[in-house]
Amino acid sequence: MGKWKVAVDRDACIGDGICASLCPDVFELDDEGKSVVTKEIIEDDLYDCVKEAVDSCPVSCITLEEA
Protein backbone atom coordinates (compact mmCIF):
# COMPACT_ATOMS: atom_id res chain seq x y z
CA MET A 1 0.00 0.00 0.00
CA GLY A 2 1.16 3.50 -0.78
CA LYS A 3 0.91 6.64 1.27
CA TRP A 4 0.16 9.98 -0.32
CA LYS A 5 0.53 13.58 0.87
CA VAL A 6 -2.30 16.00 0.07
CA ALA A 7 -1.97 19.79 0.14
CA VAL A 8 -3.98 22.83 -0.88
CA ASP A 9 -2.52 26.17 -1.94
CA ARG A 10 -4.89 28.37 0.04
CA ASP A 11 -3.71 31.53 -1.72
CA ALA A 12 -4.88 30.09 -5.03
CA CYS A 13 -8.07 28.46 -3.69
CA ILE A 14 -11.29 30.19 -4.78
CA GLY A 15 -13.59 28.16 -2.50
CA ASP A 16 -15.36 26.30 -5.29
CA GLY A 17 -15.93 23.39 -2.88
CA ILE A 18 -15.76 20.62 -5.46
CA CYS A 19 -12.97 18.93 -3.49
CA ALA A 20 -15.06 18.81 -0.31
CA SER A 21 -18.06 17.44 -2.17
CA LEU A 22 -16.00 14.79 -3.99
CA CYS A 23 -13.86 13.73 -1.04
CA PRO A 24 -15.30 14.89 2.32
CA ASP A 25 -13.01 12.53 4.25
CA VAL A 26 -10.01 14.66 3.20
CA PHE A 27 -11.29 18.19 2.43
CA GLU A 28 -13.61 20.70 4.04
CA LEU A 29 -14.27 24.40 3.64
CA ASP A 30 -13.25 26.67 6.51
CA ASP A 31 -14.80 29.89 7.82
CA GLU A 32 -13.22 31.81 4.95
CA GLY A 33 -14.84 29.45 2.43
CA LYS A 34 -11.49 28.01 1.39
CA SER A 35 -10.47 24.38 1.27
CA VAL A 36 -8.48 22.82 4.08
CA VAL A 37 -7.01 19.34 4.18
CA THR A 38 -8.32 17.39 7.17
CA LYS A 39 -6.20 14.32 6.46
CA GLU A 40 -2.77 15.28 5.11
CA ILE A 41 -1.44 11.74 4.66
CA ILE A 42 -3.79 9.30 2.96
CA GLU A 43 -3.53 5.68 1.93
CA ASP A 44 -4.65 3.97 -1.26
CA ASP A 45 -8.29 3.70 -0.14
CA LEU A 46 -8.73 7.49 -0.50
CA TYR A 47 -6.45 7.97 -3.50
CA ASP A 48 -9.19 7.83 -6.16
CA CYS A 49 -11.42 10.49 -4.59
CA VAL A 50 -8.45 12.80 -3.91
CA LYS A 51 -7.20 12.32 -7.48
CA GLU A 52 -10.67 13.21 -8.77
CA ALA A 53 -10.61 16.35 -6.60
CA VAL A 54 -7.16 17.27 -7.96
CA ASP A 55 -8.38 16.81 -11.54
CA SER A 56 -11.65 18.71 -10.91
CA CYS A 57 -10.23 21.76 -9.13
CA PRO A 58 -10.86 24.76 -11.41
CA VAL A 59 -7.68 26.55 -10.25
CA SER A 60 -5.44 23.48 -9.83
CA CYS A 61 -4.52 24.35 -6.24
CA ILE A 62 -4.51 20.78 -4.86
CA THR A 63 -1.38 18.66 -4.95
CA LEU A 64 -1.04 14.93 -4.41
CA GLU A 65 2.37 13.32 -4.13
CA GLU A 66 3.84 10.12 -2.80
CA ALA A 67 4.66 10.44 0.90
PDB file of N, CA and C in Angstrom:
ATOM      1  N   MET A   1       0.838  -1.200   0.000  1.00  0.00           N
ATOM      2  CA  MET A   1       0.000   0.000   0.000  1.00  0.00           C
ATOM      3  C   MET A   1       0.870   1.246   0.000  1.00  0.00           C
ATOM      4  N   GLY A   2       0.432   2.241  -0.724  1.00  0.00           N
ATOM      5  CA  GLY A   2       1.158   3.500  -0.780  1.00  0.00           C
ATOM      6  C   GLY A   2       0.575   4.516   0.188  1.00  0.00           C
ATOM      7  N   LYS A   3       1.369   5.501   0.480  1.00  0.00           N
ATOM      8  CA  LYS A   3       0.906   6.639   1.271  1.00  0.00           C
ATOM      9  C   LYS A   3       1.114   7.873   0.420  1.00  0.00           C
ATOM     10  N   TRP A   4       0.183   8.798   0.528  1.00  0.00           N
ATOM     11  CA  TRP A   4       0.155   9.982  -0.318  1.00  0.00           C
ATOM     12  C   TRP A   4      -0.020  11.223   0.541  1.00  0.00           C
ATOM     13  N   LYS A   5       0.645  12.306   0.157  1.00  0.00           N
ATOM     14  CA  LYS A   5       0.528  13.577   0.865  1.00  0.00           C
ATOM     15  C   LYS A   5      -0.358  14.508   0.047  1.00  0.00           C
ATOM     16  N   VAL A   6      -1.333  15.109   0.714  1.00  0.00           N
ATOM     17  CA  VAL A   6      -2.296  15.999   0.075  1.00  0.00           C
ATOM     18  C   VAL A   6      -2.081  17.413   0.610  1.00  0.00           C
ATOM     19  N   ALA A   7      -2.115  18.394  -0.277  1.00  0.00           N
ATOM     20  CA  ALA A   7      -1.968  19.787   0.140  1.00  0.00           C
ATOM     21  C   ALA A   7      -2.843  20.685  -0.735  1.00  0.00           C
ATOM     22  N   VAL A   8      -3.214  21.827  -0.155  1.00  0.00           N
ATOM     23  CA  VAL A   8      -3.985  22.834  -0.878  1.00  0.00           C
ATOM     24  C   VAL A   8      -3.236  24.159  -0.787  1.00  0.00           C
ATOM     25  N   ASP A   9      -3.075  24.819  -1.912  1.00  0.00           N
ATOM     26  CA  ASP A   9      -2.521  26.173  -1.936  1.00  0.00           C
ATOM     27  C   ASP A   9      -3.672  27.128  -1.638  1.00  0.00           C
ATOM     28  N   ARG A  10      -3.753  27.550  -0.385  1.00  0.00           N
ATOM     29  CA  ARG A  10      -4.890  28.373   0.043  1.00  0.00           C
ATOM     30  C   ARG A  10      -4.891  29.744  -0.610  1.00  0.00           C
ATOM     31  N   ASP A  11      -3.739  30.232  -1.027  1.00  0.00           N
ATOM     32  CA  ASP A  11      -3.706  31.527  -1.721  1.00  0.00           C
ATOM     33  C   ASP A  11      -4.378  31.433  -3.081  1.00  0.00           C
ATOM     34  N   ALA A  12      -4.279  30.278  -3.703  1.00  0.00           N
ATOM     35  CA  ALA A  12      -4.876  30.085  -5.026  1.00  0.00           C
ATOM     36  C   ALA A  12      -6.333  29.610  -4.952  1.00  0.00           C
ATOM     37  N   CYS A  13      -6.726  29.027  -3.829  1.00  0.00           N
ATOM     38  CA  CYS A  13      -8.074  28.461  -3.687  1.00  0.00           C
ATOM     39  C   CYS A  13      -9.141  29.547  -3.817  1.00  0.00           C
ATOM     40  N   ILE A  14     -10.181  29.248  -4.601  1.00  0.00           N
ATOM     41  CA  ILE A  14     -11.293  30.190  -4.779  1.00  0.00           C
ATOM     42  C   ILE A  14     -12.551  29.729  -4.038  1.00  0.00           C
ATOM     43  N   GLY A  15     -12.457  28.627  -3.290  1.00  0.00           N
ATOM     44  CA  GLY A  15     -13.589  28.164  -2.502  1.00  0.00           C
ATOM     45  C   GLY A  15     -14.696  27.539  -3.309  1.00  0.00           C
ATOM     46  N   ASP A  16     -14.366  26.961  -4.441  1.00  0.00           N
ATOM     47  CA  ASP A  16     -15.357  26.299  -5.291  1.00  0.00           C
ATOM     48  C   ASP A  16     -16.071  25.173  -4.548  1.00  0.00           C
ATOM     49  N   GLY A  17     -15.333  24.442  -3.711  1.00  0.00           N
ATOM     50  CA  GLY A  17     -15.928  23.392  -2.882  1.00  0.00           C
ATOM     51  C   GLY A  17     -16.057  22.035  -3.540  1.00  0.00           C
ATOM     52  N   ILE A  18     -15.634  21.910  -4.785  1.00  0.00           N
ATOM     53  CA  ILE A  18     -15.758  20.619  -5.461  1.00  0.00           C
ATOM     54  C   ILE A  18     -14.954  19.549  -4.744  1.00  0.00           C
ATOM     55  N   CYS A  19     -13.804  19.913  -4.190  1.00  0.00           N
ATOM     56  CA  CYS A  19     -12.971  18.933  -3.493  1.00  0.00           C
ATOM     57  C   CYS A  19     -13.704  18.371  -2.270  1.00  0.00           C
ATOM     58  N   ALA A  20     -14.340  19.249  -1.504  1.00  0.00           N
ATOM     59  CA  ALA A  20     -15.056  18.811  -0.308  1.00  0.00           C
ATOM     60  C   ALA A  20     -16.268  17.957  -0.663  1.00  0.00           C
ATOM     61  N   SER A  21     -16.906  18.247  -1.782  1.00  0.00           N
ATOM     62  CA  SER A  21     -18.058  17.440  -2.171  1.00  0.00           C
ATOM     63  C   SER A  21     -17.625  16.089  -2.737  1.00  0.00           C
ATOM     64  N   LEU A  22     -16.487  16.052  -3.430  1.00  0.00           N
ATOM     65  CA  LEU A  22     -16.002  14.790  -3.995  1.00  0.00           C
ATOM     66  C   LEU A  22     -15.332  13.900  -2.954  1.00  0.00           C
ATOM     67  N   CYS A  23     -14.663  14.507  -1.978  1.00  0.00           N
ATOM     68  CA  CYS A  23     -13.861  13.733  -1.036  1.00  0.00           C
ATOM     69  C   CYS A  23     -13.943  14.348   0.372  1.00  0.00           C
ATOM     70  N   PRO A  24     -15.108  14.251   1.016  1.00  0.00           N
ATOM     71  CA  PRO A  24     -15.299  14.891   2.322  1.00  0.00           C
ATOM     72  C   PRO A  24     -14.452  14.293   3.444  1.00  0.00           C
ATOM     73  N   ASP A  25     -13.886  13.117   3.234  1.00  0.00           N
ATOM     74  CA  ASP A  25     -13.006  12.531   4.254  1.00  0.00           C
ATOM     75  C   ASP A  25     -11.648  13.233   4.305  1.00  0.00           C
ATOM     76  N   VAL A  26     -11.335  14.028   3.284  1.00  0.00           N
ATOM     77  CA  VAL A  26     -10.014  14.656   3.199  1.00  0.00           C
ATOM     78  C   VAL A  26     -10.093  16.184   3.149  1.00  0.00           C
ATOM     79  N   PHE A  27     -11.171  16.733   2.604  1.00  0.00           N
ATOM     80  CA  PHE A  27     -11.286  18.190   2.433  1.00  0.00           C
ATOM     81  C   PHE A  27     -12.542  18.723   3.112  1.00  0.00           C
ATOM     82  N   GLU A  28     -12.433  19.961   3.603  1.00  0.00           N
ATOM     83  CA  GLU A  28     -13.609  20.700   4.042  1.00  0.00           C
ATOM     84  C   GLU A  28     -13.345  22.172   3.790  1.00  0.00           C
ATOM     85  N   LEU A  29     -14.415  22.968   3.803  1.00  0.00           N
ATOM     86  CA  LEU A  29     -14.273  24.405   3.640  1.00  0.00           C
ATOM     87  C   LEU A  29     -14.262  25.048   5.018  1.00  0.00           C
ATOM     88  N   ASP A  30     -13.366  26.007   5.215  1.00  0.00           N
ATOM     89  CA  ASP A  30     -13.247  26.666   6.510  1.00  0.00           C
ATOM     90  C   ASP A  30     -14.143  27.901   6.576  1.00  0.00           C
ATOM     91  N   ASP A  31     -13.980  28.693   7.620  1.00  0.00           N
ATOM     92  CA  ASP A  31     -14.803  29.889   7.825  1.00  0.00           C
ATOM     93  C   ASP A  31     -14.610  30.934   6.731  1.00  0.00           C
ATOM     94  N   GLU A  32     -13.477  30.890   6.049  1.00  0.00           N
ATOM     95  CA  GLU A  32     -13.216  31.812   4.947  1.00  0.00           C
ATOM     96  C   GLU A  32     -13.764  31.281   3.625  1.00  0.00           C
ATOM     97  N   GLY A  33     -14.323  30.063   3.648  1.00  0.00           N
ATOM     98  CA  GLY A  33     -14.845  29.451   2.429  1.00  0.00           C
ATOM     99  C   GLY A  33     -13.773  28.826   1.567  1.00  0.00           C
ATOM    100  N   LYS A  34     -12.585  28.621   2.138  1.00  0.00           N
ATOM    101  CA  LYS A  34     -11.487  28.010   1.390  1.00  0.00           C
ATOM    102  C   LYS A  34     -11.267  26.580   1.862  1.00  0.00           C
ATOM    103  N   SER A  35     -10.700  25.787   0.975  1.00  0.00           N
ATOM    104  CA  SER A  35     -10.468  24.383   1.267  1.00  0.00           C
ATOM    105  C   SER A  35      -9.335  24.197   2.261  1.00  0.00           C
ATOM    106  N   VAL A  36      -9.542  23.265   3.186  1.00  0.00           N
ATOM    107  CA  VAL A  36      -8.484  22.820   4.084  1.00  0.00           C
ATOM    108  C   VAL A  36      -8.423  21.303   4.023  1.00  0.00           C
ATOM    109  N   VAL A  37      -7.224  20.791   4.173  1.00  0.00           N
ATOM    110  CA  VAL A  37      -7.010  19.342   4.179  1.00  0.00           C
ATOM    111  C   VAL A  37      -7.177  18.866   5.614  1.00  0.00           C
ATOM    112  N   THR A  38      -8.085  17.919   5.825  1.00  0.00           N
ATOM    113  CA  THR A  38      -8.319  17.395   7.167  1.00  0.00           C
ATOM    114  C   THR A  38      -7.532  16.122   7.426  1.00  0.00           C
ATOM    115  N   LYS A  39      -7.008  15.534   6.362  1.00  0.00           N
ATOM    116  CA  LYS A  39      -6.201  14.323   6.464  1.00  0.00           C
ATOM    117  C   LYS A  39      -5.045  14.464   5.487  1.00  0.00           C
ATOM    118  N   GLU A  40      -3.899  14.936   5.981  1.00  0.00           N
ATOM    119  CA  GLU A  40      -2.771  15.279   5.115  1.00  0.00           C
ATOM    120  C   GLU A  40      -2.108  14.069   4.471  1.00  0.00           C
ATOM    121  N   ILE A  41      -2.022  12.964   5.201  1.00  0.00           N
ATOM    122  CA  ILE A  41      -1.438  11.738   4.659  1.00  0.00           C
ATOM    123  C   ILE A  41      -2.565  10.724   4.481  1.00  0.00           C
ATOM    124  N   ILE A  42      -2.734  10.274   3.249  1.00  0.00           N
ATOM    125  CA  ILE A  42      -3.787   9.302   2.961  1.00  0.00           C
ATOM    126  C   ILE A  42      -3.158   8.006   2.467  1.00  0.00           C
ATOM    127  N   GLU A  43      -3.959   6.960   2.485  1.00  0.00           N
ATOM    128  CA  GLU A  43      -3.534   5.677   1.932  1.00  0.00           C
ATOM    129  C   GLU A  43      -4.326   5.414   0.660  1.00  0.00           C
ATOM    130  N   ASP A  44      -4.064   4.281   0.050  1.00  0.00           N
ATOM    131  CA  ASP A  44      -4.648   3.972  -1.256  1.00  0.00           C
ATOM    132  C   ASP A  44      -6.173   4.014  -1.279  1.00  0.00           C
ATOM    133  N   ASP A  45      -6.822   3.742  -0.149  1.00  0.00           N
ATOM    134  CA  ASP A  45      -8.285   3.701  -0.141  1.00  0.00           C
ATOM    135  C   ASP A  45      -8.906   5.068  -0.463  1.00  0.00           C
ATOM    136  N   LEU A  46      -8.206   6.160  -0.201  1.00  0.00           N
ATOM    137  CA  LEU A  46      -8.735   7.494  -0.497  1.00  0.00           C
ATOM    138  C   LEU A  46      -8.107   8.120  -1.742  1.00  0.00           C
ATOM    139  N   TYR A  47      -7.173   7.411  -2.361  1.00  0.00           N
ATOM    140  CA  TYR A  47      -6.451   7.974  -3.504  1.00  0.00           C
ATOM    141  C   TYR A  47      -7.397   8.393  -4.632  1.00  0.00           C
ATOM    142  N   ASP A  48      -8.339   7.549  -5.002  1.00  0.00           N
ATOM    143  CA  ASP A  48      -9.194   7.831  -6.158  1.00  0.00           C
ATOM    144  C   ASP A  48     -10.016   9.099  -5.965  1.00  0.00           C
ATOM    145  N   CYS A  49     -10.599   9.292  -4.769  1.00  0.00           N
ATOM    146  CA  CYS A  49     -11.423  10.491  -4.586  1.00  0.00           C
ATOM    147  C   CYS A  49     -10.551  11.739  -4.525  1.00  0.00           C
ATOM    148  N   VAL A  50      -9.349  11.641  -3.939  1.00  0.00           N
ATOM    149  CA  VAL A  50      -8.454  12.799  -3.914  1.00  0.00           C
ATOM    150  C   VAL A  50      -7.979  13.118  -5.332  1.00  0.00           C
ATOM    151  N   LYS A  51      -7.632  12.106  -6.099  1.00  0.00           N
ATOM    152  CA  LYS A  51      -7.196  12.319  -7.484  1.00  0.00           C
ATOM    153  C   LYS A  51      -8.305  12.981  -8.297  1.00  0.00           C
ATOM    154  N   GLU A  52      -9.548  12.579  -8.073  1.00  0.00           N
ATOM    155  CA  GLU A  52     -10.671  13.213  -8.767  1.00  0.00           C
ATOM    156  C   GLU A  52     -10.802  14.677  -8.357  1.00  0.00           C
ATOM    157  N   ALA A  53     -10.579  14.969  -7.073  1.00  0.00           N
ATOM    158  CA  ALA A  53     -10.614  16.353  -6.603  1.00  0.00           C
ATOM    159  C   ALA A  53      -9.494  17.172  -7.240  1.00  0.00           C
ATOM    160  N   VAL A  54      -8.297  16.593  -7.311  1.00  0.00           N
ATOM    161  CA  VAL A  54      -7.165  17.269  -7.961  1.00  0.00           C
ATOM    162  C   VAL A  54      -7.532  17.607  -9.409  1.00  0.00           C
ATOM    163  N   ASP A  55      -8.055  16.631 -10.124  1.00  0.00           N
ATOM    164  CA  ASP A  55      -8.382  16.813 -11.536  1.00  0.00           C
ATOM    165  C   ASP A  55      -9.559  17.765 -11.759  1.00  0.00           C
ATOM    166  N   SER A  56     -10.441  17.896 -10.765  1.00  0.00           N
ATOM    167  CA  SER A  56     -11.648  18.715 -10.907  1.00  0.00           C
ATOM    168  C   SER A  56     -11.487  20.145 -10.415  1.00  0.00           C
ATOM    169  N   CYS A  57     -10.428  20.421  -9.680  1.00  0.00           N
ATOM    170  CA  CYS A  57     -10.233  21.762  -9.126  1.00  0.00           C
ATOM    171  C   CYS A  57     -10.069  22.778 -10.259  1.00  0.00           C
ATOM    172  N   PRO A  58     -10.912  23.817 -10.293  1.00  0.00           N
ATOM    173  CA  PRO A  58     -10.855  24.764 -11.409  1.00  0.00           C
ATOM    174  C   PRO A  58      -9.599  25.628 -11.424  1.00  0.00           C
ATOM    175  N   VAL A  59      -8.896  25.734 -10.290  1.00  0.00           N
ATOM    176  CA  VAL A  59      -7.676  26.552 -10.245  1.00  0.00           C
ATOM    177  C   VAL A  59      -6.427  25.715  -9.965  1.00  0.00           C
ATOM    178  N   SER A  60      -6.568  24.408  -9.997  1.00  0.00           N
ATOM    179  CA  SER A  60      -5.437  23.483  -9.829  1.00  0.00           C
ATOM    180  C   SER A  60      -4.589  23.791  -8.594  1.00  0.00           C
ATOM    181  N   CYS A  61      -5.258  23.986  -7.460  1.00  0.00           N
ATOM    182  CA  CYS A  61      -4.521  24.351  -6.241  1.00  0.00           C
ATOM    183  C   CYS A  61      -4.301  23.169  -5.295  1.00  0.00           C
ATOM    184  N   ILE A  62      -4.687  21.966  -5.701  1.00  0.00           N
ATOM    185  CA  ILE A  62      -4.512  20.775  -4.862  1.00  0.00           C
ATOM    186  C   ILE A  62      -3.357  19.954  -5.413  1.00  0.00           C
ATOM    187  N   THR A  63      -2.468  19.526  -4.525  1.00  0.00           N
ATOM    188  CA  THR A  63      -1.378  18.663  -4.945  1.00  0.00           C
ATOM    189  C   THR A  63      -1.479  17.325  -4.224  1.00  0.00           C
ATOM    190  N   LEU A  64      -1.041  16.299  -4.919  1.00  0.00           N
ATOM    191  CA  LEU A  64      -1.036  14.931  -4.407  1.00  0.00           C
ATOM    192  C   LEU A  64       0.286  14.314  -4.816  1.00  0.00           C
ATOM    193  N   GLU A  65       1.070  13.924  -3.826  1.00  0.00           N
ATOM    194  CA  GLU A  65       2.370  13.322  -4.129  1.00  0.00           C
ATOM    195  C   GLU A  65       2.635  12.162  -3.191  1.00  0.00           C
ATOM    196  N   GLU A  66       3.497  11.283  -3.614  1.00  0.00           N
ATOM    197  CA  GLU A  66       3.835  10.121  -2.802  1.00  0.00           C
ATOM    198  C   GLU A  66       4.521  10.598  -1.519  1.00  0.00           C
ATOM    199  N   ALA A  67       4.089  10.037  -0.402  1.00  0.00           N
ATOM    200  CA  ALA A  67       4.658  10.444   0.896  1.00  0.00           C
ATOM    201  C   ALA A  67       5.837   9.573   1.269  1.00  0.00           C
TER     202      ALA A  67
END
